[in-house]
Amino acid sequence: MKKLFLSGAFIALLGTFSANAWMYNTPCGIAVQTVPPEFFDDPVERAKFYAELDAAYCGGGKGEVTPPSKEEQPKDPIPAVP
């Protein structure tokens, strides 16, 4: 049983190395896990995608983070998975 558990854990660990994830640092200093630049075939599409990340995480890319207002937040939050 112990060998089965360890082999399953090893396979799961190998699966994490194959994920195509990359850390993008926004201009306001927030690190975002996303796809690498090599994912995009078109440089215009890549620039547009990272500009949208900057706008989403930095409040328009101007360096300040704008949290959502109370009106924009859901009244009934999604319950946590047990």
C-alpha atoms as a PDB file:
ATOM      1  CA  MET A   1       0.000   0.000   0.000  1.00  0.00           C
ATOM      2  CA  LYS A   2       2.849   2.353   0.830  1.00  0.00           C
ATOM      3  CA  LYS A   3       4.495   1.694  -2.543  1.00  0.00           C
ATOM      4  CA  LEU A   4       1.233   2.409  -4.337  1.00  0.00           C
ATOM      5  CA  PHE A   5       0.861   5.724  -2.516  1.00  0.00           C
ATOM      6  CA  LEU A   6       4.448   6.773  -3.191  1.00  0.00           C
ATOM      7  CA  SER A   7       4.237   5.861  -6.865  1.00  0.00           C
ATOM      8  CA  GLY A   8       0.994   7.831  -7.206  1.00  0.00           C
ATOM      9  CA  ALA A   9       2.565  10.830  -5.500  1.00  0.00           C
ATOM     10  CA  PHE A  10       5.572  10.607  -7.808  1.00  0.00           C
ATOM     11  CA  ILE A  11       3.349  10.543 -10.902  1.00  0.00           C
ATOM     12  CA  ALA A  12       1.400  13.544  -9.603  1.00  0.00           C
ATOM     13  CA  LEU A  13       4.658  15.403  -9.033  1.00  0.00           C
ATOM     14  CA  LEU A  14       5.777  14.685 -12.595  1.00  0.00           C
ATOM     15  CA  GLY A  15       2.463  16.056 -13.847  1.00  0.00           C
ATOM     16  CA  THR A  16       3.121  19.405 -12.206  1.00  0.00           C
ATOM     17  CA  PHE A  17       6.363  19.820 -14.150  1.00  0.00           C
ATOM     18  CA  SER A  18       4.591  19.398 -17.465  1.00  0.00           C
ATOM     19  CA  ALA A  19       2.179  22.301 -16.872  1.00  0.00           C
ATOM     20  CA  ASN A  20       2.711  25.192 -19.250  1.00  0.00           C
ATOM     21  CA  ALA A  21       2.655  27.995 -16.683  1.00  0.00           C
ATOM     22  CA  TRP A  22       4.717  31.161 -16.460  1.00  0.00           C
ATOM     23  CA  MET A  23       4.906  34.041 -13.971  1.00  0.00           C
ATOM     24  CA  TYR A  24       4.217  37.476 -15.452  1.00  0.00           C
ATOM     25  CA  ASN A  25       5.138  40.522 -13.361  1.00  0.00           C
ATOM     26  CA  THR A  26       2.738  43.401 -13.895  1.00  0.00           C
ATOM     27  CA  PRO A  27       3.967  47.028 -13.878  1.00  0.00           C
ATOM     28  CA  CYS A  28       2.447  47.499 -10.415  1.00  0.00           C
ATOM     29  CA  GLY A  29       4.478  44.593  -8.997  1.00  0.00           C
ATOM     30  CA  ILE A  30       1.858  41.828  -8.864  1.00  0.00           C
ATOM     31  CA  ALA A  31       3.007  38.402 -10.065  1.00  0.00           C
ATOM     32  CA  VAL A  32       0.388  36.571 -12.155  1.00  0.00           C
ATOM     33  CA  GLN A  33       0.581  32.934 -13.226  1.00  0.00           C
ATOM     34  CA  THR A  34      -0.346  32.704 -16.897  1.00  0.00           C
ATOM     35  CA  VAL A  35       0.798  31.296 -20.239  1.00  0.00           C
ATOM     36  CA  PRO A  36       4.351  32.045 -21.493  1.00  0.00           C
ATOM     37  CA  PRO A  37       4.943  34.466 -24.387  1.00  0.00           C
ATOM     38  CA  GLU A  38       5.792  31.517 -26.659  1.00  0.00           C
ATOM     39  CA  PHE A  39       2.135  30.429 -26.403  1.00  0.00           C
ATOM     40  CA  PHE A  40       1.049  33.201 -28.788  1.00  0.00           C
ATOM     41  CA  ASP A  41       1.666  33.016 -32.533  1.00  0.00           C
ATOM     42  CA  ASP A  42       0.825  36.679 -33.121  1.00  0.00           C
ATOM     43  CA  PRO A  43       2.847  39.354 -31.249  1.00  0.00           C
ATOM     44  CA  VAL A  44      -0.117  41.749 -31.395  1.00  0.00           C
ATOM     45  CA  GLU A  45      -2.337  39.181 -29.659  1.00  0.00           C
ATOM     46  CA  ARG A  46       0.371  38.631 -27.029  1.00  0.00           C
ATOM     47  CA  ALA A  47       0.697  42.365 -26.327  1.00  0.00           C
ATOM     48  CA  LYS A  48      -3.087  42.726 -26.086  1.00  0.00           C
ATOM     49  CA  PHE A  49      -3.328  39.782 -23.662  1.00  0.00           C
ATOM     50  CA  TYR A  50      -0.659  41.148 -21.307  1.00  0.00           C
ATOM     51  CA  ALA A  51      -2.196  44.631 -21.515  1.00  0.00           C
ATOM     52  CA  GLU A  52      -5.502  43.133 -20.361  1.00  0.00           C
ATOM     53  CA  LEU A  53      -3.695  41.466 -17.446  1.00  0.00           C
ATOM     54  CA  ASP A  54      -2.138  44.810 -16.525  1.00  0.00           C
ATOM     55  CA  ALA A  55      -5.560  46.477 -16.635  1.00  0.00           C
ATOM     56  CA  ALA A  56      -7.190  43.723 -14.573  1.00  0.00           C
ATOM     57  CA  TYR A  57      -4.553  43.559 -11.843  1.00  0.00           C
ATOM     58  CA  CYS A  58      -3.251  47.136 -11.769  1.00  0.00           C
ATOM     59  CA  GLY A  59      -6.359  49.233 -12.305  1.00  0.00           C
ATOM     60  CA  GLY A  60      -5.693  50.152 -15.908  1.00  0.00           C
ATOM     61  CA  GLY A  61      -1.948  49.640 -15.767  1.00  0.00           C
ATOM     62  CA  LYS A  62      -1.357  52.968 -14.004  1.00  0.00           C
ATOM     63  CA  GLY A  63       0.325  51.441 -10.965  1.00  0.00           C
ATOM     64  CA  GLU A  64      -2.549  51.460  -8.503  1.00  0.00           C
ATOM     65  CA  VAL A  65      -4.653  48.468  -7.584  1.00  0.00           C
ATOM     66  CA  THR A  66      -8.363  49.215  -7.444  1.00  0.00           C
ATOM     67  CA  PRO A  67     -10.371  46.730  -5.383  1.00  0.00           C
ATOM     68  CA  PRO A  68     -13.969  46.159  -6.485  1.00  0.00           C
ATOM     69  CA  SER A  69     -16.639  48.276  -4.854  1.00  0.00           C
ATOM     70  CA  LYS A  70     -19.257  46.756  -2.551  1.00  0.00           C
ATOM     71  CA  GLU A  71     -21.847  47.019  -5.324  1.00  0.00           C
ATOM     72  CA  GLU A  72     -19.697  44.894  -7.659  1.00  0.00           C
ATOM     73  CA  GLN A  73     -19.164  42.129  -5.118  1.00  0.00           C
ATOM     74  CA  PRO A  74     -21.671  39.236  -5.079  1.00  0.00           C
ATOM     75  CA  LYS A  75     -24.276  39.247  -2.322  1.00  0.00           C
ATOM     76  CA  ASP A  76     -24.037  35.475  -1.869  1.00  0.00           C
ATOM     77  CA  PRO A  77     -20.432  34.386  -2.133  1.00  0.00           C
ATOM     78  CA  ILE A  78     -19.583  31.007  -3.573  1.00  0.00           C
ATOM     79  CA  PRO A  79     -19.322  28.460  -0.736  1.00  0.00           C
ATOM     80  CA  ALA A  80     -15.941  26.897  -0.059  1.00  0.00           C
ATOM     81  CA  VAL A  81     -15.436  23.310  -1.099  1.00  0.00           C
ATOM     82  CA  PRO A  82     -15.052  21.123   1.988  1.00  0.00           C
END
